[in-house]
Amino acid sequence: MDWKMIIETMEKIGKDKNAPVYSMNLNDPFKVLISAILSTRTRDEQTAKAVQRLFSVVKKPEDLLNLSEDEIDELIKPVGFHRVKAKNLKELARILIYEYNSKVPNDLNDLLKLPGVGRKVANIVLSFLGKPAIAVDTHVHRIANRLGVVKTKKPDETEEELKKSVPKNLWNRINKAFVGFGQVVCKPIKPLCEDCPFKSFCEYFKNKGEE
């Protein structure tokens, strides 16, 4: 499996087709962390809008702490579970300021202790920080299984299987490449299979043709 070719192809297609993941232009760990939290159980388009609104006001943890939960909630609507996320973001800002000197921790266990942070979110942050990590969200899980490079039921299983086959120096690029490709070609519903450059080995396409 030529993983370098696959990832580079996905990245090019995602950028050429203006996938939402490439529109957020996140340039620091704090914004990456917040946007990843907002993205959970939320459509990509809604996440992008909420991130843009929130970061027009919030640039650092102190800005977030100075907002009320209601103000945060208003900024991040209509992401999924926005009330819970508003509460978590307020507490997250407090923890970052008083326990980590306003810095985002670069350790998996420390990240997992933060409110609203699960394994996917933690790995997205670690990837951004240059740590070897594969962040598996719904796009990565779906596309990896469709292509047939894994046969898994849960995202955690997908992460472990991908780590066995993807060269470590490419781990950090997996999530964004797969997400962008999933947003514009390998969509959850009605994927654009005819536009896919991986038809020659895609299990989903092969099975679709046999139906």
C-alpha atoms as a PDB file:
ATOM      1  CA  MET A   1       0.000   0.000   0.000  1.00  0.00           C
ATOM      2  CA  ASP A   2       1.513   3.312  -1.119  1.00  0.00           C
ATOM      3  CA  TRP A   3       0.405   5.427   1.808  1.00  0.00           C
ATOM      4  CA  LYS A   4       2.378   8.484   0.742  1.00  0.00           C
ATOM      5  CA  MET A   5       0.574   8.520  -2.613  1.00  0.00           C
ATOM      6  CA  ILE A   6      -2.827   8.004  -0.971  1.00  0.00           C
ATOM      7  CA  ILE A   7      -2.361  10.813   1.537  1.00  0.00           C
ATOM      8  CA  GLU A   8      -0.912  13.258  -0.981  1.00  0.00           C
ATOM      9  CA  THR A   9      -3.763  12.519  -3.407  1.00  0.00           C
ATOM     10  CA  MET A  10      -6.384  13.046  -0.707  1.00  0.00           C
ATOM     11  CA  GLU A  11      -4.731  16.298   0.380  1.00  0.00           C
ATOM     12  CA  LYS A  12      -4.671  17.648  -3.183  1.00  0.00           C
ATOM     13  CA  ILE A  13      -8.302  16.747  -3.853  1.00  0.00           C
ATOM     14  CA  GLY A  14      -9.456  18.212  -0.536  1.00  0.00           C
ATOM     15  CA  LYS A  15      -7.655  21.493  -1.202  1.00  0.00           C
ATOM     16  CA  ASP A  16      -8.692  21.700  -4.869  1.00  0.00           C
ATOM     17  CA  LYS A  17     -12.336  21.144  -3.965  1.00  0.00           C
ATOM     18  CA  ASN A  18     -12.234  23.556  -1.004  1.00  0.00           C
ATOM     19  CA  ALA A  19     -13.060  21.027   1.699  1.00  0.00           C
ATOM     20  CA  PRO A  20     -14.246  22.788   4.895  1.00  0.00           C
ATOM     21  CA  VAL A  21     -11.347  21.345   6.926  1.00  0.00           C
ATOM     22  CA  TYR A  22      -8.939  23.492   4.910  1.00  0.00           C
ATOM     23  CA  SER A  23     -10.939  26.682   5.418  1.00  0.00           C
ATOM     24  CA  MET A  24     -10.369  27.029   9.162  1.00  0.00           C
ATOM     25  CA  ASN A  25      -6.649  27.897   8.948  1.00  0.00           C
ATOM     26  CA  LEU A  26      -5.906  26.977  12.555  1.00  0.00           C
ATOM     27  CA  ASN A  27      -2.410  28.079  13.481  1.00  0.00           C
ATOM     28  CA  ASP A  28      -1.953  27.358  17.173  1.00  0.00           C
ATOM     29  CA  PRO A  29      -2.584  24.448  19.575  1.00  0.00           C
ATOM     30  CA  PHE A  30      -5.278  26.290  21.544  1.00  0.00           C
ATOM     31  CA  LYS A  31      -7.437  26.887  18.478  1.00  0.00           C
ATOM     32  CA  VAL A  32      -6.833  23.345  17.242  1.00  0.00           C
ATOM     33  CA  LEU A  33      -7.958  21.980  20.616  1.00  0.00           C
ATOM     34  CA  ILE A  34     -11.094  24.117  20.772  1.00  0.00           C
ATOM     35  CA  SER A  35     -12.124  23.404  17.185  1.00  0.00           C
ATOM     36  CA  ALA A  36     -11.617  19.667  17.689  1.00  0.00           C
ATOM     37  CA  ILE A  37     -13.867  19.731  20.766  1.00  0.00           C
ATOM     38  CA  LEU A  38     -16.544  21.636  18.847  1.00  0.00           C
ATOM     39  CA  SER A  39     -16.346  19.169  15.946  1.00  0.00           C
ATOM     40  CA  THR A  40     -17.462  16.170  18.001  1.00  0.00           C
ATOM     41  CA  ARG A  41     -20.950  14.996  17.011  1.00  0.00           C
ATOM     42  CA  THR A  42     -21.292  17.981  14.695  1.00  0.00           C
ATOM     43  CA  ARG A  43     -21.477  18.378  10.926  1.00  0.00           C
ATOM     44  CA  ASP A  44     -18.305  19.792   9.414  1.00  0.00           C
ATOM     45  CA  GLU A  45     -20.049  22.831   7.956  1.00  0.00           C
ATOM     46  CA  GLN A  46     -21.525  23.779  11.331  1.00  0.00           C
ATOM     47  CA  THR A  47     -18.167  23.335  13.040  1.00  0.00           C
ATOM     48  CA  ALA A  48     -16.493  25.679  10.557  1.00  0.00           C
ATOM     49  CA  LYS A  49     -19.120  28.382  11.151  1.00  0.00           C
ATOM     50  CA  ALA A  50     -18.925  28.055  14.953  1.00  0.00           C
ATOM     51  CA  VAL A  51     -15.130  28.149  14.924  1.00  0.00           C
ATOM     52  CA  GLN A  52     -15.139  31.310  12.833  1.00  0.00           C
ATOM     53  CA  ARG A  53     -17.598  33.041  15.173  1.00  0.00           C
ATOM     54  CA  LEU A  54     -15.849  31.976  18.363  1.00  0.00           C
ATOM     55  CA  PHE A  55     -12.354  32.889  17.202  1.00  0.00           C
ATOM     56  CA  SER A  56     -13.507  36.324  16.094  1.00  0.00           C
ATOM     57  CA  VAL A  57     -13.798  36.975  19.843  1.00  0.00           C
ATOM     58  CA  VAL A  58     -11.509  34.407  21.472  1.00  0.00           C
ATOM     59  CA  LYS A  59      -7.771  34.365  20.779  1.00  0.00           C
ATOM     60  CA  LYS A  60      -6.431  32.779  23.982  1.00  0.00           C
ATOM     61  CA  PRO A  61      -7.659  30.943  27.124  1.00  0.00           C
ATOM     62  CA  GLU A  62      -8.072  34.218  29.043  1.00  0.00           C
ATOM     63  CA  ASP A  63     -10.556  35.487  26.440  1.00  0.00           C
ATOM     64  CA  LEU A  64     -12.585  32.309  26.831  1.00  0.00           C
ATOM     65  CA  LEU A  65     -12.573  32.486  30.625  1.00  0.00           C
ATOM     66  CA  ASN A  66     -13.798  36.087  30.518  1.00  0.00           C
ATOM     67  CA  LEU A  67     -16.929  35.047  28.635  1.00  0.00           C
ATOM     68  CA  SER A  68     -20.003  33.700  30.413  1.00  0.00           C
ATOM     69  CA  GLU A  69     -21.301  30.233  29.571  1.00  0.00           C
ATOM     70  CA  ASP A  70     -24.280  31.872  27.864  1.00  0.00           C
ATOM     71  CA  GLU A  71     -21.997  34.015  25.720  1.00  0.00           C
ATOM     72  CA  ILE A  72     -19.901  31.008  24.726  1.00  0.00           C
ATOM     73  CA  ASP A  73     -23.060  29.028  24.001  1.00  0.00           C
ATOM     74  CA  GLU A  74     -24.372  31.770  21.718  1.00  0.00           C
ATOM     75  CA  LEU A  75     -21.099  31.855  19.778  1.00  0.00           C
ATOM     76  CA  ILE A  76     -20.836  28.102  19.209  1.00  0.00           C
ATOM     77  CA  LYS A  77     -24.448  27.369  18.223  1.00  0.00           C
ATOM     78  CA  PRO A  78     -25.582  25.237  16.473  1.00  0.00           C
ATOM     79  CA  VAL A  79     -22.863  22.636  17.156  1.00  0.00           C
ATOM     80  CA  GLY A  80     -24.053  19.431  18.776  1.00  0.00           C
ATOM     81  CA  PHE A  81     -24.462  19.535  22.563  1.00  0.00           C
ATOM     82  CA  HIS A  82     -23.562  23.239  22.567  1.00  0.00           C
ATOM     83  CA  ARG A  83     -24.691  23.827  26.157  1.00  0.00           C
ATOM     84  CA  VAL A  84     -22.461  21.055  27.469  1.00  0.00           C
ATOM     85  CA  LYS A  85     -19.588  22.217  25.294  1.00  0.00           C
ATOM     86  CA  ALA A  86     -19.962  25.811  26.499  1.00  0.00           C
ATOM     87  CA  LYS A  87     -19.646  24.626  30.085  1.00  0.00           C
ATOM     88  CA  ASN A  88     -16.661  22.414  29.204  1.00  0.00           C
ATOM     89  CA  LEU A  89     -14.885  25.221  27.338  1.00  0.00           C
ATOM     90  CA  LYS A  90     -15.234  27.570  30.293  1.00  0.00           C
ATOM     91  CA  GLU A  91     -13.716  24.962  32.631  1.00  0.00           C
ATOM     92  CA  LEU A  92     -11.086  24.077  30.053  1.00  0.00           C
ATOM     93  CA  ALA A  93      -9.928  27.691  29.902  1.00  0.00           C
ATOM     94  CA  ARG A  94      -9.598  27.803  33.686  1.00  0.00           C
ATOM     95  CA  ILE A  95      -7.525  24.609  33.761  1.00  0.00           C
ATOM     96  CA  LEU A  96      -5.224  25.756  30.951  1.00  0.00           C
ATOM     97  CA  ILE A  97      -4.598  29.091  32.654  1.00  0.00           C
ATOM     98  CA  TYR A  98      -4.059  27.922  36.220  1.00  0.00           C
ATOM     99  CA  GLU A  99      -2.560  24.468  35.698  1.00  0.00           C
ATOM    100  CA  TYR A 100      -0.674  24.793  32.414  1.00  0.00           C
ATOM    101  CA  ASN A 101       0.280  28.479  32.324  1.00  0.00           C
ATOM    102  CA  SER A 102      -2.162  29.074  29.434  1.00  0.00           C
ATOM    103  CA  LYS A 103      -0.437  26.426  27.322  1.00  0.00           C
ATOM    104  CA  VAL A 104      -1.996  23.347  25.756  1.00  0.00           C
ATOM    105  CA  PRO A 105      -0.378  20.191  27.221  1.00  0.00           C
ATOM    106  CA  ASN A 106       1.549  17.987  24.787  1.00  0.00           C
ATOM    107  CA  ASP A 107       1.046  14.716  26.641  1.00  0.00           C
ATOM    108  CA  LEU A 108      -1.769  12.286  25.795  1.00  0.00           C
ATOM    109  CA  ASN A 109      -2.717  11.564  29.411  1.00  0.00           C
ATOM    110  CA  ASP A 110      -2.794  15.264  30.328  1.00  0.00           C
ATOM    111  CA  LEU A 111      -4.967  16.044  27.318  1.00  0.00           C
ATOM    112  CA  LEU A 112      -7.399  13.242  28.154  1.00  0.00           C
ATOM    113  CA  LYS A 113      -7.969  14.785  31.592  1.00  0.00           C
ATOM    114  CA  LEU A 114      -9.325  17.990  30.048  1.00  0.00           C
ATOM    115  CA  PRO A 115     -13.127  18.425  29.899  1.00  0.00           C
ATOM    116  CA  GLY A 116     -14.611  17.454  26.559  1.00  0.00           C
ATOM    117  CA  VAL A 117     -11.421  15.778  25.349  1.00  0.00           C
ATOM    118  CA  GLY A 118     -11.467  12.178  24.170  1.00  0.00           C
ATOM    119  CA  ARG A 119      -8.887  10.180  22.285  1.00  0.00           C
ATOM    120  CA  LYS A 120      -9.738  11.644  18.878  1.00  0.00           C
ATOM    121  CA  VAL A 121      -9.439  15.244  20.084  1.00  0.00           C
ATOM    122  CA  ALA A 122      -6.227  14.508  21.988  1.00  0.00           C
ATOM    123  CA  ASN A 123      -4.649  12.892  18.929  1.00  0.00           C
ATOM    124  CA  ILE A 124      -5.637  15.822  16.699  1.00  0.00           C
ATOM    125  CA  VAL A 125      -3.761  18.146  19.068  1.00  0.00           C
ATOM    126  CA  LEU A 126      -0.749  15.844  19.303  1.00  0.00           C
ATOM    127  CA  SER A 127      -0.619  15.592  15.510  1.00  0.00           C
ATOM    128  CA  PHE A 128      -0.625  19.363  15.217  1.00  0.00           C
ATOM    129  CA  LEU A 129       2.202  19.535  17.744  1.00  0.00           C
ATOM    130  CA  GLY A 130       4.257  17.157  15.625  1.00  0.00           C
ATOM    131  CA  LYS A 131       3.861  14.132  17.893  1.00  0.00           C
ATOM    132  CA  PRO A 132       3.291  10.774  16.152  1.00  0.00           C
ATOM    133  CA  ALA A 133      -0.461  10.223  16.475  1.00  0.00           C
ATOM    134  CA  ILE A 134      -3.366   9.109  14.299  1.00  0.00           C
ATOM    135  CA  ALA A 135      -6.617  10.893  15.076  1.00  0.00           C
ATOM    136  CA  VAL A 136      -9.537   8.705  14.000  1.00  0.00           C
ATOM    137  CA  ASP A 137     -12.859  10.458  13.546  1.00  0.00           C
ATOM    138  CA  THR A 138     -15.896   9.307  11.563  1.00  0.00           C
ATOM    139  CA  HIS A 139     -14.249  10.203   8.237  1.00  0.00           C
ATOM    140  CA  VAL A 140     -11.052   8.261   8.925  1.00  0.00           C
ATOM    141  CA  HIS A 141     -12.975   5.272  10.291  1.00  0.00           C
ATOM    142  CA  ARG A 142     -15.414   5.220   7.359  1.00  0.00           C
ATOM    143  CA  ILE A 143     -12.901   5.708   4.549  1.00  0.00           C
ATOM    144  CA  ALA A 144     -10.318   3.272   5.922  1.00  0.00           C
ATOM    145  CA  ASN A 145     -12.999   0.589   6.090  1.00  0.00           C
ATOM    146  CA  ARG A 146     -14.433   1.460   2.683  1.00  0.00           C
ATOM    147  CA  LEU A 147     -11.025   1.234   1.043  1.00  0.00           C
ATOM    148  CA  GLY A 148     -10.481  -2.088   2.802  1.00  0.00           C
ATOM    149  CA  VAL A 149      -7.215  -1.073   4.460  1.00  0.00           C
ATOM    150  CA  VAL A 150      -8.833  -1.999   7.797  1.00  0.00           C
ATOM    151  CA  LYS A 151     -11.808  -4.100   8.813  1.00  0.00           C
ATOM    152  CA  THR A 152     -12.858  -2.626  12.130  1.00  0.00           C
ATOM    153  CA  LYS A 153     -16.002  -1.790  14.079  1.00  0.00           C
ATOM    154  CA  LYS A 154     -14.725   0.980  16.381  1.00  0.00           C
ATOM    155  CA  PRO A 155     -12.510   4.053  15.866  1.00  0.00           C
ATOM    156  CA  ASP A 156     -10.023   2.879  18.514  1.00  0.00           C
ATOM    157  CA  GLU A 157      -9.577  -0.359  16.571  1.00  0.00           C
ATOM    158  CA  THR A 158      -9.073   1.626  13.363  1.00  0.00           C
ATOM    159  CA  GLU A 159      -6.362   3.697  15.045  1.00  0.00           C
ATOM    160  CA  GLU A 160      -4.468   0.599  16.136  1.00  0.00           C
ATOM    161  CA  GLU A 161      -4.740  -1.093  12.737  1.00  0.00           C
ATOM    162  CA  LEU A 162      -3.622   2.009  10.849  1.00  0.00           C
ATOM    163  CA  LYS A 163      -0.598   2.313  13.131  1.00  0.00           C
ATOM    164  CA  LYS A 164       0.455  -1.146  11.979  1.00  0.00           C
ATOM    165  CA  SER A 165       0.436  -0.286   8.281  1.00  0.00           C
ATOM    166  CA  VAL A 166       0.984   3.465   7.892  1.00  0.00           C
ATOM    167  CA  PRO A 167       4.617   4.662   8.139  1.00  0.00           C
ATOM    168  CA  LYS A 168       5.068   6.629  11.351  1.00  0.00           C
ATOM    169  CA  ASN A 169       6.275   9.737   9.545  1.00  0.00           C
ATOM    170  CA  LEU A 170       2.847  10.000   7.858  1.00  0.00           C
ATOM    171  CA  TRP A 171       0.634   9.542  10.929  1.00  0.00           C
ATOM    172  CA  ASN A 172       0.198  13.264  11.538  1.00  0.00           C
ATOM    173  CA  ARG A 173      -1.231  13.821   8.050  1.00  0.00           C
ATOM    174  CA  ILE A 174      -3.847  11.053   8.122  1.00  0.00           C
ATOM    175  CA  ASN A 175      -6.682  12.897   9.817  1.00  0.00           C
ATOM    176  CA  LYS A 176      -6.756  16.104   7.795  1.00  0.00           C
ATOM    177  CA  ALA A 177      -6.211  14.238   4.514  1.00  0.00           C
ATOM    178  CA  PHE A 178      -9.025  11.741   5.178  1.00  0.00           C
ATOM    179  CA  VAL A 179     -11.375  14.412   6.539  1.00  0.00           C
ATOM    180  CA  GLY A 180     -10.945  16.651   3.505  1.00  0.00           C
ATOM    181  CA  PHE A 181     -11.394  13.715   1.137  1.00  0.00           C
ATOM    182  CA  GLY A 182     -14.441  12.555   3.094  1.00  0.00           C
ATOM    183  CA  GLN A 183     -16.023  15.987   2.933  1.00  0.00           C
ATOM    184  CA  VAL A 184     -15.839  16.324  -0.846  1.00  0.00           C
ATOM    185  CA  VAL A 185     -15.607  12.806  -2.364  1.00  0.00           C
ATOM    186  CA  CYS A 186     -15.987   9.828  -0.009  1.00  0.00           C
ATOM    187  CA  LYS A 187     -19.055  11.309   1.681  1.00  0.00           C
ATOM    188  CA  PRO A 188     -21.057   9.419   4.340  1.00  0.00           C
ATOM    189  CA  ILE A 189     -24.118   9.340   2.068  1.00  0.00           C
ATOM    190  CA  LYS A 190     -23.925   9.102  -1.729  1.00  0.00           C
ATOM    191  CA  PRO A 191     -20.127   9.074  -2.046  1.00  0.00           C
ATOM    192  CA  LEU A 192     -18.840  10.319  -5.405  1.00  0.00           C
ATOM    193  CA  CYS A 193     -17.279   6.988  -6.338  1.00  0.00           C
ATOM    194  CA  GLU A 194     -16.832   7.901 -10.005  1.00  0.00           C
ATOM    195  CA  ASP A 195     -14.607  10.819  -8.960  1.00  0.00           C
ATOM    196  CA  CYS A 196     -12.473   8.649  -6.682  1.00  0.00           C
ATOM    197  CA  PRO A 197      -8.876   7.911  -7.727  1.00  0.00           C
ATOM    198  CA  PHE A 198      -8.816   4.769  -5.564  1.00  0.00           C
ATOM    199  CA  LYS A 199     -11.475   2.761  -7.421  1.00  0.00           C
ATOM    200  CA  SER A 200      -8.916   0.177  -8.512  1.00  0.00           C
ATOM    201  CA  PHE A 201      -8.522  -1.192  -4.988  1.00  0.00           C
ATOM    202  CA  CYS A 202     -11.509   0.195  -3.043  1.00  0.00           C
ATOM    203  CA  GLU A 203     -13.530  -2.612  -1.464  1.00  0.00           C
ATOM    204  CA  TYR A 204     -16.648  -0.432  -1.225  1.00  0.00           C
ATOM    205  CA  PHE A 205     -16.543   0.363  -4.960  1.00  0.00           C
ATOM    206  CA  LYS A 206     -15.877  -3.264  -5.833  1.00  0.00           C
ATOM    207  CA  ASN A 207     -18.810  -4.504  -3.736  1.00  0.00           C
ATOM    208  CA  LYS A 208     -21.018  -1.720  -5.066  1.00  0.00           C
ATOM    209  CA  GLY A 209     -20.345  -2.904  -8.611  1.00  0.00           C
ATOM    210  CA  GLU A 210     -21.295  -6.473  -7.674  1.00  0.00           C
ATOM    211  CA  GLU A 211     -24.684  -5.510  -6.233  1.00  0.00           C
END
